[in-house]
Amino acid sequence: MIEDETQLSPADGILAINHSLRCFGYGLASLLPLIGLPLAGVSFVNFLKAQDIVKGRWNPARAYLMWGSVLGSLGLLISLLIILFFIGAWLQLLPWQYGQG
């Protein structure tokens, strides 16, 4: 029997789906400000694991994997902007902190 090189084995397919769904779940949870920072990291780790398993072949949960990476990136951006805002407020760099007094 000739094995198709573009098809994942059943075990690899299950692992790819599992990591793709974890990527999506952690990416969605990473939208929580500041708490989501480590969750975004876990989302990216699951993204890389799924990509490593698939290696360019068909992933049945590809949409979840892509949305997980987008949500993880957005969560990371939100958390970093909040951190920058607090640092700017602490250093008194924000324009509206200098009131007319």
PDB file of N, CA and C in Angstrom:
ATOM      1  N   MET A   1       0.844  -1.181   0.000  1.00  0.00           N
ATOM      2  CA  MET A   1       0.000   0.000   0.000  1.00  0.00           C
ATOM      3  C   MET A   1       0.889   1.244   0.000  1.00  0.00           C
ATOM      4  N   ILE A   2       0.608   2.168  -0.859  1.00  0.00           N
ATOM      5  CA  ILE A   2       1.381   3.400  -0.972  1.00  0.00           C
ATOM      6  C   ILE A   2       0.749   4.446  -0.057  1.00  0.00           C
ATOM      7  N   GLU A   3       1.586   5.035   0.811  1.00  0.00           N
ATOM      8  CA  GLU A   3       1.098   6.055   1.745  1.00  0.00           C
ATOM      9  C   GLU A   3       1.206   7.428   1.101  1.00  0.00           C
ATOM     10  N   ASP A   4       0.162   8.195   1.204  1.00  0.00           N
ATOM     11  CA  ASP A   4       0.128   9.535   0.633  1.00  0.00           C
ATOM     12  C   ASP A   4       0.953  10.479   1.507  1.00  0.00           C
ATOM     13  N   GLU A   5       1.914  11.170   0.916  1.00  0.00           N
ATOM     14  CA  GLU A   5       2.796  12.055   1.660  1.00  0.00           C
ATOM     15  C   GLU A   5       2.104  13.342   2.117  1.00  0.00           C
ATOM     16  N   THR A   6       0.984  13.703   1.493  1.00  0.00           N
ATOM     17  CA  THR A   6       0.299  14.931   1.873  1.00  0.00           C
ATOM     18  C   THR A   6      -0.695  14.707   3.001  1.00  0.00           C
ATOM     19  N   GLN A   7      -0.918  13.467   3.368  1.00  0.00           N
ATOM     20  CA  GLN A   7      -1.891  13.129   4.410  1.00  0.00           C
ATOM     21  C   GLN A   7      -1.163  12.881   5.725  1.00  0.00           C
ATOM     22  N   LEU A   8      -1.704  13.421   6.803  1.00  0.00           N
ATOM     23  CA  LEU A   8      -1.166  13.170   8.134  1.00  0.00           C
ATOM     24  C   LEU A   8      -1.572  11.784   8.603  1.00  0.00           C
ATOM     25  N   SER A   9      -0.749  11.182   9.439  1.00  0.00           N
ATOM     26  CA  SER A   9      -1.175   9.938  10.065  1.00  0.00           C
ATOM     27  C   SER A   9      -2.283  10.282  11.072  1.00  0.00           C
ATOM     28  N   PRO A  10      -3.124   9.324  11.433  1.00  0.00           N
ATOM     29  CA  PRO A  10      -4.204   9.631  12.378  1.00  0.00           C
ATOM     30  C   PRO A  10      -3.707  10.199  13.709  1.00  0.00           C
ATOM     31  N   ALA A  11      -2.603   9.674  14.208  1.00  0.00           N
ATOM     32  CA  ALA A  11      -2.065  10.181  15.481  1.00  0.00           C
ATOM     33  C   ALA A  11      -1.582  11.625  15.337  1.00  0.00           C
ATOM     34  N   ASP A  12      -0.888  11.904  14.226  1.00  0.00           N
ATOM     35  CA  ASP A  12      -0.425  13.275  13.991  1.00  0.00           C
ATOM     36  C   ASP A  12      -1.592  14.218  13.757  1.00  0.00           C
ATOM     37  N   GLY A  13      -2.633  13.740  13.084  1.00  0.00           N
ATOM     38  CA  GLY A  13      -3.817  14.574  12.870  1.00  0.00           C
ATOM     39  C   GLY A  13      -4.492  14.948  14.175  1.00  0.00           C
ATOM     40  N   ILE A  14      -4.576  13.980  15.096  1.00  0.00           N
ATOM     41  CA  ILE A  14      -5.178  14.257  16.404  1.00  0.00           C
ATOM     42  C   ILE A  14      -4.327  15.265  17.171  1.00  0.00           C
ATOM     43  N   LEU A  15      -3.001  15.092  17.130  1.00  0.00           N
ATOM     44  CA  LEU A  15      -2.119  16.042  17.813  1.00  0.00           C
ATOM     45  C   LEU A  15      -2.219  17.437  17.201  1.00  0.00           C
ATOM     46  N   ALA A  16      -2.296  17.510  15.882  1.00  0.00           N
ATOM     47  CA  ALA A  16      -2.405  18.813  15.217  1.00  0.00           C
ATOM     48  C   ALA A  16      -3.713  19.502  15.585  1.00  0.00           C
ATOM     49  N   ILE A  17      -4.811  18.745  15.615  1.00  0.00           N
ATOM     50  CA  ILE A  17      -6.098  19.322  16.012  1.00  0.00           C
ATOM     51  C   ILE A  17      -6.044  19.781  17.458  1.00  0.00           C
ATOM     52  N   ASN A  18      -5.450  18.959  18.315  1.00  0.00           N
ATOM     53  CA  ASN A  18      -5.356  19.293  19.741  1.00  0.00           C
ATOM     54  C   ASN A  18      -4.564  20.584  19.953  1.00  0.00           C
ATOM     55  N   HIS A  19      -3.412  20.693  19.321  1.00  0.00           N
ATOM     56  CA  HIS A  19      -2.599  21.910  19.476  1.00  0.00           C
ATOM     57  C   HIS A  19      -3.277  23.121  18.826  1.00  0.00           C
ATOM     58  N   SER A  20      -3.991  22.902  17.735  1.00  0.00           N
ATOM     59  CA  SER A  20      -4.693  24.010  17.085  1.00  0.00           C
ATOM     60  C   SER A  20      -5.810  24.546  17.980  1.00  0.00           C
ATOM     61  N   LEU A  21      -6.554  23.649  18.595  1.00  0.00           N
ATOM     62  CA  LEU A  21      -7.631  24.086  19.492  1.00  0.00           C
ATOM     63  C   LEU A  21      -7.082  24.739  20.752  1.00  0.00           C
ATOM     64  N   ARG A  22      -5.968  24.224  21.261  1.00  0.00           N
ATOM     65  CA  ARG A  22      -5.333  24.862  22.421  1.00  0.00           C
ATOM     66  C   ARG A  22      -4.828  26.256  22.054  1.00  0.00           C
ATOM     67  N   CYS A  23      -4.263  26.378  20.862  1.00  0.00           N
ATOM     68  CA  CYS A  23      -3.793  27.688  20.389  1.00  0.00           C
ATOM     69  C   CYS A  23      -4.954  28.676  20.352  1.00  0.00           C
ATOM     70  N   PHE A  24      -6.102  28.236  19.829  1.00  0.00           N
ATOM     71  CA  PHE A  24      -7.264  29.111  19.762  1.00  0.00           C
ATOM     72  C   PHE A  24      -7.764  29.472  21.163  1.00  0.00           C
ATOM     73  N   GLY A  25      -7.852  28.489  22.043  1.00  0.00           N
ATOM     74  CA  GLY A  25      -8.348  28.750  23.400  1.00  0.00           C
ATOM     75  C   GLY A  25      -7.459  29.701  24.174  1.00  0.00           C
ATOM     76  N   TYR A  26      -6.163  29.450  24.133  1.00  0.00           N
ATOM     77  CA  TYR A  26      -5.241  30.340  24.836  1.00  0.00           C
ATOM     78  C   TYR A  26      -5.162  31.708  24.160  1.00  0.00           C
ATOM     79  N   GLY A  27      -5.302  31.742  22.852  1.00  0.00           N
ATOM     80  CA  GLY A  27      -5.323  33.026  22.145  1.00  0.00           C
ATOM     81  C   GLY A  27      -6.525  33.852  22.537  1.00  0.00           C
ATOM     82  N   LEU A  28      -7.662  33.200  22.687  1.00  0.00           N
ATOM     83  CA  LEU A  28      -8.873  33.896  23.122  1.00  0.00           C
ATOM     84  C   LEU A  28      -8.729  34.391  24.559  1.00  0.00           C
ATOM     85  N   ALA A  29      -8.153  33.564  25.415  1.00  0.00           N
ATOM     86  CA  ALA A  29      -7.954  33.959  26.808  1.00  0.00           C
ATOM     87  C   ALA A  29      -6.888  35.044  26.945  1.00  0.00           C
ATOM     88  N   SER A  30      -6.000  35.147  25.975  1.00  0.00           N
ATOM     89  CA  SER A  30      -4.944  36.159  26.062  1.00  0.00           C
ATOM     90  C   SER A  30      -5.480  37.575  25.862  1.00  0.00           C
ATOM     91  N   LEU A  31      -6.727  37.707  25.468  1.00  0.00           N
ATOM     92  CA  LEU A  31      -7.315  39.037  25.313  1.00  0.00           C
ATOM     93  C   LEU A  31      -7.572  39.713  26.654  1.00  0.00           C
ATOM     94  N   LEU A  32      -7.485  38.963  27.753  1.00  0.00           N
ATOM     95  CA  LEU A  32      -7.601  39.566  29.077  1.00  0.00           C
ATOM     96  C   LEU A  32      -6.362  40.428  29.322  1.00  0.00           C
ATOM     97  N   PRO A  33      -6.554  41.697  29.640  1.00  0.00           N
ATOM     98  CA  PRO A  33      -5.396  42.580  29.816  1.00  0.00           C
ATOM     99  C   PRO A  33      -4.492  42.118  30.956  1.00  0.00           C
ATOM    100  N   LEU A  34      -3.212  42.118  30.714  1.00  0.00           N
ATOM    101  CA  LEU A  34      -2.122  41.773  31.623  1.00  0.00           C
ATOM    102  C   LEU A  34      -2.127  40.302  32.034  1.00  0.00           C
ATOM    103  N   ILE A  35      -3.260  39.754  32.405  1.00  0.00           N
ATOM    104  CA  ILE A  35      -3.335  38.335  32.759  1.00  0.00           C
ATOM    105  C   ILE A  35      -3.066  37.495  31.522  1.00  0.00           C
ATOM    106  N   GLY A  36      -3.423  38.007  30.370  1.00  0.00           N
ATOM    107  CA  GLY A  36      -3.290  37.269  29.134  1.00  0.00           C
ATOM    108  C   GLY A  36      -1.888  37.228  28.556  1.00  0.00           C
ATOM    109  N   LEU A  37      -0.938  37.939  29.144  1.00  0.00           N
ATOM    110  CA  LEU A  37       0.423  37.937  28.618  1.00  0.00           C
ATOM    111  C   LEU A  37       1.040  36.544  28.593  1.00  0.00           C
ATOM    112  N   PRO A  38       1.039  35.797  29.697  1.00  0.00           N
ATOM    113  CA  PRO A  38       1.593  34.438  29.604  1.00  0.00           C
ATOM    114  C   PRO A  38       0.730  33.513  28.748  1.00  0.00           C
ATOM    115  N   LEU A  39      -0.564  33.773  28.692  1.00  0.00           N
ATOM    116  CA  LEU A  39      -1.450  32.953  27.881  1.00  0.00           C
ATOM    117  C   LEU A  39      -1.157  33.143  26.394  1.00  0.00           C
ATOM    118  N   ALA A  40      -0.751  34.340  26.015  1.00  0.00           N
ATOM    119  CA  ALA A  40      -0.352  34.573  24.628  1.00  0.00           C
ATOM    120  C   ALA A  40       0.895  33.766  24.297  1.00  0.00           C
ATOM    121  N   GLY A  41       1.807  33.679  25.246  1.00  0.00           N
ATOM    122  CA  GLY A  41       3.007  32.868  25.042  1.00  0.00           C
ATOM    123  C   GLY A  41       2.673  31.394  24.860  1.00  0.00           C
ATOM    124  N   VAL A  42       1.742  30.888  25.668  1.00  0.00           N
ATOM    125  CA  VAL A  42       1.325  29.492  25.542  1.00  0.00           C
ATOM    126  C   VAL A  42       0.619  29.277  24.206  1.00  0.00           C
ATOM    127  N   SER A  43      -0.131  30.271  23.768  1.00  0.00           N
ATOM    128  CA  SER A  43      -0.797  30.181  22.467  1.00  0.00           C
ATOM    129  C   SER A  43       0.227  30.058  21.344  1.00  0.00           C
ATOM    130  N   PHE A  44       1.296  30.838  21.405  1.00  0.00           N
ATOM    131  CA  PHE A  44       2.326  30.782  20.375  1.00  0.00           C
ATOM    132  C   PHE A  44       3.100  29.467  20.410  1.00  0.00           C
ATOM    133  N   VAL A  45       3.309  28.922  21.617  1.00  0.00           N
ATOM    134  CA  VAL A  45       3.975  27.619  21.729  1.00  0.00           C
ATOM    135  C   VAL A  45       3.126  26.541  21.063  1.00  0.00           C
ATOM    136  N   ASN A  46       1.813  26.555  21.322  1.00  0.00           N
ATOM    137  CA  ASN A  46       0.931  25.582  20.687  1.00  0.00           C
ATOM    138  C   ASN A  46       0.870  25.785  19.175  1.00  0.00           C
ATOM    139  N   PHE A  47       0.942  27.029  18.721  1.00  0.00           N
ATOM    140  CA  PHE A  47       0.980  27.314  17.290  1.00  0.00           C
ATOM    141  C   PHE A  47       2.204  26.673  16.645  1.00  0.00           C
ATOM    142  N   LEU A  48       3.358  26.861  17.285  1.00  0.00           N
ATOM    143  CA  LEU A  48       4.587  26.294  16.734  1.00  0.00           C
ATOM    144  C   LEU A  48       4.574  24.770  16.754  1.00  0.00           C
ATOM    145  N   LYS A  49       4.017  24.187  17.819  1.00  0.00           N
ATOM    146  CA  LYS A  49       3.929  22.727  17.879  1.00  0.00           C
ATOM    147  C   LYS A  49       3.033  22.183  16.773  1.00  0.00           C
ATOM    148  N   ALA A  50       1.901  22.839  16.542  1.00  0.00           N
ATOM    149  CA  ALA A  50       0.990  22.395  15.485  1.00  0.00           C
ATOM    150  C   ALA A  50       1.644  22.550  14.120  1.00  0.00           C
ATOM    151  N   GLN A  51       2.340  23.653  13.898  1.00  0.00           N
ATOM    152  CA  GLN A  51       3.025  23.871  12.625  1.00  0.00           C
ATOM    153  C   GLN A  51       4.121  22.824  12.413  1.00  0.00           C
ATOM    154  N   ASP A  52       4.803  22.443  13.502  1.00  0.00           N
ATOM    155  CA  ASP A  52       5.851  21.448  13.403  1.00  0.00           C
ATOM    156  C   ASP A  52       5.285  20.071  13.054  1.00  0.00           C
ATOM    157  N   ILE A  53       4.133  19.753  13.598  1.00  0.00           N
ATOM    158  CA  ILE A  53       3.506  18.461  13.301  1.00  0.00           C
ATOM    159  C   ILE A  53       3.003  18.431  11.865  1.00  0.00           C
ATOM    160  N   VAL A  54       2.376  19.502  11.433  1.00  0.00           N
ATOM    161  CA  VAL A  54       1.752  19.535  10.109  1.00  0.00           C
ATOM    162  C   VAL A  54       2.798  19.623   9.000  1.00  0.00           C
ATOM    163  N   LYS A  55       3.804  20.453   9.169  1.00  0.00           N
ATOM    164  CA  LYS A  55       4.889  20.638   8.188  1.00  0.00           C
ATOM    165  C   LYS A  55       4.366  20.892   6.779  1.00  0.00           C
ATOM    166  N   GLY A  56       3.434  21.806   6.656  1.00  0.00           N
ATOM    167  CA  GLY A  56       2.929  22.201   5.345  1.00  0.00           C
ATOM    168  C   GLY A  56       1.830  21.322   4.786  1.00  0.00           C
ATOM    169  N   ARG A  57       1.477  20.272   5.485  1.00  0.00           N
ATOM    170  CA  ARG A  57       0.404  19.404   5.011  1.00  0.00           C
ATOM    171  C   ARG A  57      -0.934  19.915   5.506  1.00  0.00           C
ATOM    172  N   TRP A  58      -1.991  19.197   5.159  1.00  0.00           N
ATOM    173  CA  TRP A  58      -3.342  19.614   5.492  1.00  0.00           C
ATOM    174  C   TRP A  58      -3.594  19.486   6.981  1.00  0.00           C
ATOM    175  N   ASN A  59      -4.105  20.553   7.581  1.00  0.00           N
ATOM    176  CA  ASN A  59      -4.489  20.557   8.995  1.00  0.00           C
ATOM    177  C   ASN A  59      -5.995  20.748   9.051  1.00  0.00           C
ATOM    178  N   PRO A  60      -6.746  19.786   9.610  1.00  0.00           N
ATOM    179  CA  PRO A  60      -8.199  19.927   9.649  1.00  0.00           C
ATOM    180  C   PRO A  60      -8.673  21.091  10.513  1.00  0.00           C
ATOM    181  N   ALA A  61      -7.839  21.547  11.443  1.00  0.00           N
ATOM    182  CA  ALA A  61      -8.223  22.655  12.328  1.00  0.00           C
ATOM    183  C   ALA A  61      -7.394  23.901  12.005  1.00  0.00           C
ATOM    184  N   ARG A  62      -7.106  24.109  10.729  1.00  0.00           N
ATOM    185  CA  ARG A  62      -6.264  25.232  10.310  1.00  0.00           C
ATOM    186  C   ARG A  62      -6.878  26.585  10.672  1.00  0.00           C
ATOM    187  N   ALA A  63      -8.199  26.693  10.555  1.00  0.00           N
ATOM    188  CA  ALA A  63      -8.859  27.969  10.874  1.00  0.00           C
ATOM    189  C   ALA A  63      -8.682  28.318  12.349  1.00  0.00           C
ATOM    190  N   TYR A  64      -8.797  27.312  13.219  1.00  0.00           N
ATOM    191  CA  TYR A  64      -8.586  27.558  14.648  1.00  0.00           C
ATOM    192  C   TYR A  64      -7.145  27.953  14.929  1.00  0.00           C
ATOM    193  N   LEU A  65      -6.225  27.343  14.222  1.00  0.00           N
ATOM    194  CA  LEU A  65      -4.813  27.663  14.409  1.00  0.00           C
ATOM    195  C   LEU A  65      -4.514  29.101  13.994  1.00  0.00           C
ATOM    196  N   MET A  66      -5.041  29.520  12.861  1.00  0.00           N
ATOM    197  CA  MET A  66      -4.799  30.879  12.391  1.00  0.00           C
ATOM    198  C   MET A  66      -5.466  31.912  13.303  1.00  0.00           C
ATOM    199  N   TRP A  67      -6.727  31.647  13.690  1.00  0.00           N
ATOM    200  CA  TRP A  67      -7.405  32.571  14.587  1.00  0.00           C
ATOM    201  C   TRP A  67      -6.731  32.612  15.955  1.00  0.00           C
ATOM    202  N   GLY A  68      -6.207  31.488  16.414  1.00  0.00           N
ATOM    203  CA  GLY A  68      -5.479  31.471  17.682  1.00  0.00           C
ATOM    204  C   GLY A  68      -4.243  32.335  17.635  1.00  0.00           C
ATOM    205  N   SER A  69      -3.533  32.301  16.513  1.00  0.00           N
ATOM    206  CA  SER A  69      -2.341  33.141  16.400  1.00  0.00           C
ATOM    207  C   SER A  69      -2.713  34.624  16.295  1.00  0.00           C
ATOM    208  N   VAL A  70      -3.809  34.923  15.600  1.00  0.00           N
ATOM    209  CA  VAL A  70      -4.265  36.318  15.495  1.00  0.00           C
ATOM    210  C   VAL A  70      -4.712  36.840  16.857  1.00  0.00           C
ATOM    211  N   LEU A  71      -5.501  36.043  17.574  1.00  0.00           N
ATOM    212  CA  LEU A  71      -5.976  36.467  18.895  1.00  0.00           C
ATOM    213  C   LEU A  71      -4.828  36.567  19.888  1.00  0.00           C
ATOM    214  N   GLY A  72      -3.864  35.647  19.816  1.00  0.00           N
ATOM    215  CA  GLY A  72      -2.697  35.733  20.690  1.00  0.00           C
ATOM    216  C   GLY A  72      -1.887  36.987  20.433  1.00  0.00           C
ATOM    217  N   SER A  73      -1.730  37.342  19.164  1.00  0.00           N
ATOM    218  CA  SER A  73      -1.006  38.570  18.820  1.00  0.00           C
ATOM    219  C   SER A  73      -1.753  39.803  19.303  1.00  0.00           C
ATOM    220  N   LEU A  74      -3.067  39.792  19.135  1.00  0.00           N
ATOM    221  CA  LEU A  74      -3.884  40.915  19.592  1.00  0.00           C
ATOM    222  C   LEU A  74      -3.845  41.040  21.112  1.00  0.00           C
ATOM    223  N   GLY A  75      -3.914  39.912  21.804  1.00  0.00           N
ATOM    224  CA  GLY A  75      -3.824  39.926  23.269  1.00  0.00           C
ATOM    225  C   GLY A  75      -2.482  40.431  23.743  1.00  0.00           C
ATOM    226  N   LEU A  76      -1.417  40.029  23.060  1.00  0.00           N
ATOM    227  CA  LEU A  76      -0.078  40.515  23.393  1.00  0.00           C
ATOM    228  C   LEU A  76       0.017  42.017  23.172  1.00  0.00           C
ATOM    229  N   LEU A  77      -0.533  42.491  22.082  1.00  0.00           N
ATOM    230  CA  LEU A  77      -0.515  43.925  21.782  1.00  0.00           C
ATOM    231  C   LEU A  77      -1.299  44.719  22.824  1.00  0.00           C
ATOM    232  N   ILE A  78      -2.465  44.233  23.206  1.00  0.00           N
ATOM    233  CA  ILE A  78      -3.280  44.923  24.216  1.00  0.00           C
ATOM    234  C   ILE A  78      -2.523  45.013  25.536  1.00  0.00           C
ATOM    235  N   SER A  79      -1.938  43.906  25.971  1.00  0.00           N
ATOM    236  CA  SER A  79      -1.206  43.904  27.235  1.00  0.00           C
ATOM    237  C   SER A  79       0.000  44.825  27.187  1.00  0.00           C
ATOM    238  N   LEU A  80       0.728  44.819  26.076  1.00  0.00           N
ATOM    239  CA  LEU A  80       1.898  45.688  25.968  1.00  0.00           C
ATOM    240  C   LEU A  80       1.512  47.158  25.933  1.00  0.00           C
ATOM    241  N   LEU A  81       0.397  47.491  25.280  1.00  0.00           N
ATOM    242  CA  LEU A  81      -0.064  48.886  25.278  1.00  0.00           C
ATOM    243  C   LEU A  81      -0.473  49.342  26.671  1.00  0.00           C
ATOM    244  N   ILE A  82      -1.102  48.475  27.425  1.00  0.00           N
ATOM    245  CA  ILE A  82      -1.480  48.826  28.798  1.00  0.00           C
ATOM    246  C   ILE A  82      -0.243  49.020  29.667  1.00  0.00           C
ATOM    247  N   ILE A  83       0.748  48.156  29.493  1.00  0.00           N
ATOM    248  CA  ILE A  83       1.992  48.305  30.252  1.00  0.00           C
ATOM    249  C   ILE A  83       2.679  49.614  29.883  1.00  0.00           C
ATOM    250  N   LEU A  84       2.732  49.931  28.596  1.00  0.00           N
ATOM    251  CA  LEU A  84       3.333  51.200  28.175  1.00  0.00           C
ATOM    252  C   LEU A  84       2.564  52.403  28.714  1.00  0.00           C
ATOM    253  N   PHE A  85       1.239  52.294  28.777  1.00  0.00           N
ATOM    254  CA  PHE A  85       0.430  53.373  29.332  1.00  0.00           C
ATOM    255  C   PHE A  85       0.766  53.594  30.805  1.00  0.00           C
ATOM    256  N   PHE A  86       0.876  52.508  31.578  1.00  0.00           N
ATOM    257  CA  PHE A  86       1.194  52.643  32.999  1.00  0.00           C
ATOM    258  C   PHE A  86       2.613  53.170  33.218  1.00  0.00           C
ATOM    259  N   ILE A  87       3.546  52.759  32.377  1.00  0.00           N
ATOM    260  CA  ILE A  87       4.903  53.289  32.491  1.00  0.00           C
ATOM    261  C   ILE A  87       4.912  54.778  32.154  1.00  0.00           C
ATOM    262  N   GLY A  88       4.169  55.164  31.118  1.00  0.00           N
ATOM    263  CA  GLY A  88       4.078  56.583  30.762  1.00  0.00           C
ATOM    264  C   GLY A  88       3.427  57.402  31.854  1.00  0.00           C
ATOM    265  N   ALA A  89       2.406  56.851  32.501  1.00  0.00           N
ATOM    266  CA  ALA A  89       1.754  57.567  33.603  1.00  0.00           C
ATOM    267  C   ALA A  89       2.683  57.683  34.799  1.00  0.00           C
ATOM    268  N   TRP A  90       3.437  56.631  35.070  1.00  0.00           N
ATOM    269  CA  TRP A  90       4.351  56.650  36.207  1.00  0.00           C
ATOM    270  C   TRP A  90       5.490  57.644  35.987  1.00  0.00           C
ATOM    271  N   LEU A  91       5.965  57.730  34.753  1.00  0.00           N
ATOM    272  CA  LEU A  91       7.040  58.673  34.439  1.00  0.00           C
ATOM    273  C   LEU A  91       6.513  60.065  34.090  1.00  0.00           C
ATOM    274  N   GLN A  92       5.223  60.226  34.139  1.00  0.00           N
ATOM    275  CA  GLN A  92       4.543  61.480  33.828  1.00  0.00           C
ATOM    276  C   GLN A  92       4.894  61.971  32.421  1.00  0.00           C
ATOM    277  N   LEU A  93       4.739  61.067  31.466  1.00  0.00           N
ATOM    278  CA  LEU A  93       5.016  61.396  30.065  1.00  0.00           C
ATOM    279  C   LEU A  93       3.753  61.629  29.252  1.00  0.00           C
ATOM    280  N   LEU A  94       2.605  61.423  29.852  1.00  0.00           N
ATOM    281  CA  LEU A  94       1.368  61.564  29.101  1.00  0.00           C
ATOM    282  C   LEU A  94       0.987  63.037  28.991  1.00  0.00           C
ATOM    283  N   PRO A  95       0.508  63.496  27.845  1.00  0.00           N
ATOM    284  CA  PRO A  95       0.293  64.939  27.623  1.00  0.00           C
ATOM    285  C   PRO A  95      -0.735  65.561  28.559  1.00  0.00           C
ATOM    286  N   TRP A  96      -1.762  64.837  28.963  1.00  0.00           N
ATOM    287  CA  TRP A  96      -2.820  65.452  29.773  1.00  0.00           C
ATOM    288  C   TRP A  96      -2.478  65.491  31.249  1.00  0.00           C
ATOM    289  N   GLN A  97      -1.285  65.048  31.640  1.00  0.00           N
ATOM    290  CA  GLN A  97      -0.888  65.105  33.039  1.00  0.00           C
ATOM    291  C   GLN A  97      -0.382  66.474  33.456  1.00  0.00           C
ATOM    292  N   TYR A  98      -0.189  67.334  32.504  1.00  0.00           N
ATOM    293  CA  TYR A  98       0.303  68.676  32.810  1.00  0.00           C
ATOM    294  C   TYR A  98      -0.853  69.664  32.688  1.00  0.00           C
ATOM    295  N   GLY A  99      -1.648  69.726  33.731  1.00  0.00           N
ATOM    296  CA  GLY A  99      -2.828  70.593  33.724  1.00  0.00           C
ATOM    297  C   GLY A  99      -2.459  72.036  33.940  1.00  0.00           C
ATOM    298  N   GLN A 100      -3.395  72.895  33.555  1.00  0.00           N
ATOM    299  CA  GLN A 100      -3.213  74.334  33.775  1.00  0.00           C
ATOM    300  C   GLN A 100      -3.562  74.631  35.232  1.00  0.00           C
ATOM    301  N   GLY A 101      -2.608  75.012  36.006  1.00  0.00           N
ATOM    302  CA  GLY A 101      -2.889  75.151  37.425  1.00  0.00           C
ATOM    303  C   GLY A 101      -2.402  76.376  37.973  1.00  0.00           C
TER     304      GLY A 101
END
